[in-house]
C-alpha atoms as a PDB file:
ATOM      1  CA  UNK A   1       1.807  -3.091  -2.965  1.00  0.00           C
ATOM      2  CA  UNK A   2       4.791  -5.352  -2.765  1.00  0.00           C
ATOM      3  CA  UNK A   3       7.513  -3.756  -4.914  1.00  0.00           C
ATOM      4  CA  UNK A   4       5.082  -0.932  -5.677  1.00  0.00           C
ATOM      5  CA  UNK A   5       5.818   2.779  -5.887  1.00  0.00           C
ATOM      6  CA  UNK A   6       3.702   5.905  -6.440  1.00  0.00           C
ATOM      7  CA  UNK A   7       3.996   5.818 -10.258  1.00  0.00           C
ATOM      8  CA  UNK A   8       3.157   2.095 -10.483  1.00  0.00           C
ATOM      9  CA  UNK A   9       0.380   0.703 -12.717  1.00  0.00           C
ATOM     10  CA  UNK A  10      -3.013   2.398 -12.097  1.00  0.00           C
ATOM     11  CA  UNK A  11      -1.947   4.547  -9.119  1.00  0.00           C
ATOM     12  CA  UNK A  12      -1.005   7.736 -11.069  1.00  0.00           C
ATOM     13  CA  UNK A  13      -4.159   7.583 -13.171  1.00  0.00           C
ATOM     14  CA  UNK A  14      -6.399   7.215 -10.092  1.00  0.00           C
ATOM     15  CA  UNK A  15      -4.548  10.069  -8.357  1.00  0.00           C
ATOM     16  CA  UNK A  16      -4.963  12.353 -11.394  1.00  0.00           C
ATOM     17  CA  UNK A  17      -8.658  11.514 -11.788  1.00  0.00           C
ATOM     18  CA  UNK A  18      -9.463  11.987  -8.106  1.00  0.00           C
ATOM     19  CA  UNK A  19      -7.562  15.276  -7.941  1.00  0.00           C
ATOM     20  CA  UNK A  20      -9.478  16.465 -11.025  1.00  0.00           C
ATOM     21  CA  UNK A  21     -12.638  15.756  -9.012  1.00  0.00           C
ATOM     22  CA  UNK A  22     -11.441  17.903  -6.106  1.00  0.00           C
ATOM     23  CA  UNK A  23      -9.942  15.249  -3.833  1.00  0.00           C
ATOM     24  CA  UNK A  24      -6.617  15.583  -2.060  1.00  0.00           C
ATOM     25  CA  UNK A  25      -4.649  12.408  -2.798  1.00  0.00           C
ATOM     26  CA  UNK A  26      -1.464  10.967  -1.328  1.00  0.00           C
ATOM     27  CA  UNK A  27       0.275   7.934  -2.831  1.00  0.00           C
ATOM     28  CA  UNK A  28       3.004   7.191  -0.292  1.00  0.00           C
ATOM     29  CA  UNK A  29       6.165   5.276  -1.153  1.00  0.00           C
ATOM     30  CA  UNK A  30       6.278   2.630   1.558  1.00  0.00           C
ATOM     31  CA  UNK A  31       9.634   1.733   3.104  1.00  0.00           C
ATOM     32  CA  UNK A  32      11.363  -1.427   1.954  1.00  0.00           C
ATOM     33  CA  UNK A  33       8.676  -2.111  -0.662  1.00  0.00           C
ATOM     34  CA  UNK A  34      10.613  -5.155  -1.840  1.00  0.00           C
ATOM     35  CA  UNK A  35      10.077  -6.793   1.556  1.00  0.00           C
ATOM     36  CA  UNK A  36       6.842  -5.517   3.197  1.00  0.00           C
ATOM     37  CA  UNK A  37       6.896  -5.512   6.977  1.00  0.00           C
ATOM     38  CA  UNK A  38       3.842  -4.907   9.108  1.00  0.00           C
ATOM     39  CA  UNK A  39       5.933  -3.249  11.821  1.00  0.00           C
ATOM     40  CA  UNK A  40       7.153  -0.668   9.267  1.00  0.00           C
ATOM     41  CA  UNK A  41       4.176  -0.301   6.961  1.00  0.00           C
ATOM     42  CA  UNK A  42       1.347   0.116   9.497  1.00  0.00           C
ATOM     43  CA  UNK A  43       3.084   2.965  11.400  1.00  0.00           C
ATOM     44  CA  UNK A  44       4.063   4.545   8.070  1.00  0.00           C
ATOM     45  CA  UNK A  45       0.433   4.430   6.950  1.00  0.00           C
ATOM     46  CA  UNK A  46      -0.695   5.891  10.280  1.00  0.00           C
ATOM     47  CA  UNK A  47       1.827   8.710   9.963  1.00  0.00           C
ATOM     48  CA  UNK A  48       0.807   9.512   6.381  1.00  0.00           C
ATOM     49  CA  UNK A  49      -2.925   9.229   7.093  1.00  0.00           C
ATOM     50  CA  UNK A  50      -2.778  11.626  10.015  1.00  0.00           C
ATOM     51  CA  UNK A  51      -5.718  11.758  12.399  1.00  0.00           C
ATOM     52  CA  UNK A  52      -8.340   9.307  11.121  1.00  0.00           C
ATOM     53  CA  UNK A  53     -11.709  10.877  10.398  1.00  0.00           C
ATOM     54  CA  UNK A  54     -14.812  10.450   8.265  1.00  0.00           C
ATOM     55  CA  UNK A  55     -13.181  12.299   5.350  1.00  0.00           C
ATOM     56  CA  UNK A  56     -10.243   9.888   5.070  1.00  0.00           C
ATOM     57  CA  UNK A  57     -10.695   7.184   2.450  1.00  0.00           C
ATOM     58  CA  UNK A  58      -8.013   4.537   2.108  1.00  0.00           C
ATOM     59  CA  UNK A  59      -7.205   2.635  -1.078  1.00  0.00           C
ATOM     60  CA  UNK A  60      -5.084  -0.482  -0.838  1.00  0.00           C
ATOM     61  CA  UNK A  61      -3.663  -2.882  -3.379  1.00  0.00           C
ATOM     62  CA  UNK A  62      -2.559  -6.416  -2.482  1.00  0.00           C
ATOM     63  CA  UNK A  63      -0.326  -6.255   0.610  1.00  0.00           C
ATOM     64  CA  UNK A  64      -1.475  -2.645   0.920  1.00  0.00           C
ATOM     65  CA  UNK A  65      -4.911  -4.075   1.782  1.00  0.00           C
ATOM     66  CA  UNK A  66      -3.677  -6.174   4.684  1.00  0.00           C
ATOM     67  CA  UNK A  67      -1.667  -3.128   5.801  1.00  0.00           C
ATOM     68  CA  UNK A  68      -4.867  -1.060   5.828  1.00  0.00           C
ATOM     69  CA  UNK A  69      -6.737  -3.790   7.700  1.00  0.00           C
ATOM     70  CA  UNK A  70      -3.993  -3.989  10.339  1.00  0.00           C
ATOM     71  CA  UNK A  71      -4.005  -0.178  10.578  1.00  0.00           C
ATOM     72  CA  UNK A  72      -7.772  -0.135  11.124  1.00  0.00           C
ATOM     73  CA  UNK A  73      -7.388  -2.860  13.718  1.00  0.00           C
ATOM     74  CA  UNK A  74      -4.922  -0.612  15.582  1.00  0.00           C
ATOM     75  CA  UNK A  75      -7.309   2.363  15.839  1.00  0.00           C
ATOM     76  CA  UNK A  76      -8.725   3.245  19.220  1.00  0.00           C
ATOM     77  CA  UNK A  77     -12.404   2.878  20.054  1.00  0.00           C
ATOM     78  CA  UNK A  78     -14.333   5.660  18.307  1.00  0.00           C
ATOM     79  CA  UNK A  79     -11.682   6.295  15.670  1.00  0.00           C
ATOM     80  CA  UNK A  80     -12.676   5.518  12.095  1.00  0.00           C
ATOM     81  CA  UNK A  81     -12.135   6.429   8.471  1.00  0.00           C
ATOM     82  CA  UNK A  82     -14.705   7.397   5.860  1.00  0.00           C
ATOM     83  CA  UNK A  83     -14.281   4.343   3.642  1.00  0.00           C
ATOM     84  CA  UNK A  84     -11.916   1.693   2.360  1.00  0.00           C
ATOM     85  CA  UNK A  85     -11.272   0.355  -1.144  1.00  0.00           C
ATOM     86  CA  UNK A  86      -9.456  -2.985  -1.254  1.00  0.00           C
ATOM     87  CA  UNK A  87      -7.987  -4.057  -4.614  1.00  0.00           C
ATOM     88  CA  UNK A  88      -6.798  -7.690  -4.749  1.00  0.00           C
ATOM     89  CA  UNK A  89      -6.967  -7.878  -0.964  1.00  0.00           C
ATOM     90  CA  UNK A  90      -6.675 -10.882   1.309  1.00  0.00           C
ATOM     91  CA  UNK A  91      -6.983 -11.790   4.985  1.00  0.00           C
ATOM     92  CA  UNK A  92      -4.815 -14.906   5.315  1.00  0.00           C
ATOM     93  CA  UNK A  93      -1.243 -15.999   4.770  1.00  0.00           C
ATOM     94  CA  UNK A  94      -0.855 -16.639   1.034  1.00  0.00           C
ATOM     95  CA  UNK A  95       2.253 -18.758   1.533  1.00  0.00           C
ATOM     96  CA  UNK A  96       4.863 -16.107   0.759  1.00  0.00           C
ATOM     97  CA  UNK A  97       7.653 -16.080   3.330  1.00  0.00           C
ATOM     98  CA  UNK A  98       7.999 -12.292   2.915  1.00  0.00           C
ATOM     99  CA  UNK A  99       4.392 -11.718   4.055  1.00  0.00           C
ATOM    100  CA  UNK A 100       4.235 -14.125   7.020  1.00  0.00           C
ATOM    101  CA  UNK A 101       5.008 -11.224   9.389  1.00  0.00           C
ATOM    102  CA  UNK A 102       1.466  -9.910   8.778  1.00  0.00           C
ATOM    103  CA  UNK A 103      -0.091 -13.086  10.112  1.00  0.00           C
ATOM    104  CA  UNK A 104       1.650 -13.637  13.451  1.00  0.00           C
ATOM    105  CA  UNK A 105      -1.617 -12.826  15.225  1.00  0.00           C
ATOM    106  CA  UNK A 106      -5.220 -13.432  14.116  1.00  0.00           C
ATOM    107  CA  UNK A 107      -6.879 -10.544  12.326  1.00  0.00           C
ATOM    108  CA  UNK A 108      -9.949  -9.060  14.067  1.00  0.00           C
ATOM    109  CA  UNK A 109     -12.380  -8.424  11.210  1.00  0.00           C
ATOM    110  CA  UNK A 110     -15.226  -7.582  13.602  1.00  0.00           C
ATOM    111  CA  UNK A 111     -13.186  -4.733  15.059  1.00  0.00           C
ATOM    112  CA  UNK A 112     -12.035  -3.640  11.603  1.00  0.00           C
ATOM    113  CA  UNK A 113     -15.608  -3.518  10.299  1.00  0.00           C
ATOM    114  CA  UNK A 114     -16.501  -0.852  12.873  1.00  0.00           C
ATOM    115  CA  UNK A 115     -13.593   1.368  11.813  1.00  0.00           C
ATOM    116  CA  UNK A 116     -15.099   2.541   8.494  1.00  0.00           C
ATOM    117  CA  UNK A 117     -18.083   4.903   8.440  1.00  0.00           C
ATOM    118  CA  UNK A 118     -19.161   4.073   4.883  1.00  0.00           C
ATOM    119  CA  UNK A 119     -17.853   0.535   4.765  1.00  0.00           C
ATOM    120  CA  UNK A 120     -15.692  -1.328   2.325  1.00  0.00           C
ATOM    121  CA  UNK A 121     -15.557  -1.952  -1.412  1.00  0.00           C
ATOM    122  CA  UNK A 122     -13.446  -4.898  -2.542  1.00  0.00           C
ATOM    123  CA  UNK A 123     -12.295  -5.240  -6.147  1.00  0.00           C
ATOM    124  CA  UNK A 124     -11.079  -8.647  -7.301  1.00  0.00           C
ATOM    125  CA  UNK A 125     -10.213 -10.355 -10.571  1.00  0.00           C
ATOM    126  CA  UNK A 126     -11.439 -13.750 -11.691  1.00  0.00           C
ATOM    127  CA  UNK A 127      -7.928 -14.717 -12.831  1.00  0.00           C
ATOM    128  CA  UNK A 128      -5.697 -13.304 -10.091  1.00  0.00           C
ATOM    129  CA  UNK A 129      -2.696 -15.651  -9.867  1.00  0.00           C
ATOM    130  CA  UNK A 130      -2.048 -14.774  -6.204  1.00  0.00           C
ATOM    131  CA  UNK A 131      -5.346 -13.860  -4.525  1.00  0.00           C
ATOM    132  CA  UNK A 132      -8.211 -16.333  -4.678  1.00  0.00           C
ATOM    133  CA  UNK A 133     -11.763 -15.072  -5.164  1.00  0.00           C
ATOM    134  CA  UNK A 134     -12.643 -16.595  -1.781  1.00  0.00           C
ATOM    135  CA  UNK A 135     -11.357 -13.354  -0.252  1.00  0.00           C
ATOM    136  CA  UNK A 136     -14.170 -11.437  -1.937  1.00  0.00           C
ATOM    137  CA  UNK A 137     -16.597 -13.705  -0.091  1.00  0.00           C
ATOM    138  CA  UNK A 138     -14.735 -13.183   3.188  1.00  0.00           C
ATOM    139  CA  UNK A 139     -14.816  -9.404   2.755  1.00  0.00           C
ATOM    140  CA  UNK A 140     -18.510  -9.520   1.938  1.00  0.00           C
ATOM    141  CA  UNK A 141     -19.433 -11.778   4.864  1.00  0.00           C
ATOM    142  CA  UNK A 142     -17.113 -10.371   7.524  1.00  0.00           C
ATOM    143  CA  UNK A 143     -16.896  -6.684   6.556  1.00  0.00           C
ATOM    144  CA  UNK A 144     -20.162  -6.236   4.649  1.00  0.00           C
ATOM    145  CA  UNK A 145     -18.082  -5.139   1.662  1.00  0.00           C
ATOM    146  CA  UNK A 146     -19.561  -4.383  -1.705  1.00  0.00           C
ATOM    147  CA  UNK A 147     -17.816  -6.721  -4.145  1.00  0.00           C
ATOM    148  CA  UNK A 148     -16.712  -5.898  -7.672  1.00  0.00           C
ATOM    149  CA  UNK A 149     -15.352  -8.823  -9.674  1.00  0.00           C
ATOM    150  CA  UNK A 150     -13.475  -7.942 -12.843  1.00  0.00           C
ATOM    151  CA  UNK A 151     -12.807 -10.347 -15.695  1.00  0.00           C
ATOM    152  CA  UNK A 152      -9.233 -11.023 -16.757  1.00  0.00           C
ATOM    153  CA  UNK A 153      -7.491  -8.310 -14.724  1.00  0.00           C
ATOM    154  CA  UNK A 154      -4.894 -10.561 -13.107  1.00  0.00           C
ATOM    155  CA  UNK A 155      -3.480  -9.031  -9.934  1.00  0.00           C
ATOM    156  CA  UNK A 156      -4.184  -5.445 -11.072  1.00  0.00           C
ATOM    157  CA  UNK A 157      -0.461  -4.808 -11.323  1.00  0.00           C
ATOM    158  CA  UNK A 158       2.109  -4.765 -14.043  1.00  0.00           C
ATOM    159  CA  UNK A 159      -0.340  -6.158 -16.551  1.00  0.00           C
ATOM    160  CA  UNK A 160      -0.553  -4.041 -19.677  1.00  0.00           C
ATOM    161  CA  UNK A 161      -4.313  -3.762 -19.283  1.00  0.00           C
ATOM    162  CA  UNK A 162      -4.091  -2.205 -15.841  1.00  0.00           C
ATOM    163  CA  UNK A 163      -2.965   1.399 -16.193  1.00  0.00           C
ATOM    164  CA  UNK A 164      -6.451   2.687 -15.321  1.00  0.00           C
ATOM    165  CA  UNK A 165      -8.941   1.373 -12.784  1.00  0.00           C
ATOM    166  CA  UNK A 166     -12.163   3.355 -12.960  1.00  0.00           C
ATOM    167  CA  UNK A 167     -13.823   1.142 -10.333  1.00  0.00           C
ATOM    168  CA  UNK A 168     -11.627   2.818  -7.711  1.00  0.00           C
ATOM    169  CA  UNK A 169     -12.857   6.255  -8.808  1.00  0.00           C
ATOM    170  CA  UNK A 170     -16.463   5.044  -8.719  1.00  0.00           C
ATOM    171  CA  UNK A 171     -15.930   3.606  -5.224  1.00  0.00           C
ATOM    172  CA  UNK A 172     -14.514   6.858  -3.869  1.00  0.00           C
ATOM    173  CA  UNK A 173     -17.385   8.803  -5.387  1.00  0.00           C
ATOM    174  CA  UNK A 174     -19.841   6.355  -3.815  1.00  0.00           C
ATOM    175  CA  UNK A 175     -18.286   7.035  -0.392  1.00  0.00           C
ATOM    176  CA  UNK A 176     -18.517  10.775  -1.005  1.00  0.00           C
ATOM    177  CA  UNK A 177     -22.232  10.936  -1.786  1.00  0.00           C
END
């Protein structure tokens, strides 16, 4: 996420839990995290993800979600991942100058939908100060995403109550069954 790093909020807990369940987990430190740039982050994700296949599951948080969506949009016909978990994700310009670079071209959600074998799970909070719940509806309608709405979780970052996020673990396990 914007200003995020591998040891941020719920990321280390999810990594530890998934590894305990036999998953290989990477939490990359994206370049220039204080000023996310699509032209840096999407290639960095592609490099870290390696060859996309049905065993690759991507987890994104906030701007990490739009990075994943742009990555999926860039895949060639026939390439796909196993599943995608979007936490506090969005599809439109939220009005932050630093994120406008992600919205220079329209996003192709139809193309993106076909790039995940097991689909999408979107986790949102009913009191997120940045990401409106309308994005849960968009993900459900356009990507067929399963929606999980949490009460009082803010933006799932920095808040004291967000050092664990078991819904992410449950989502990954759902993709793996």
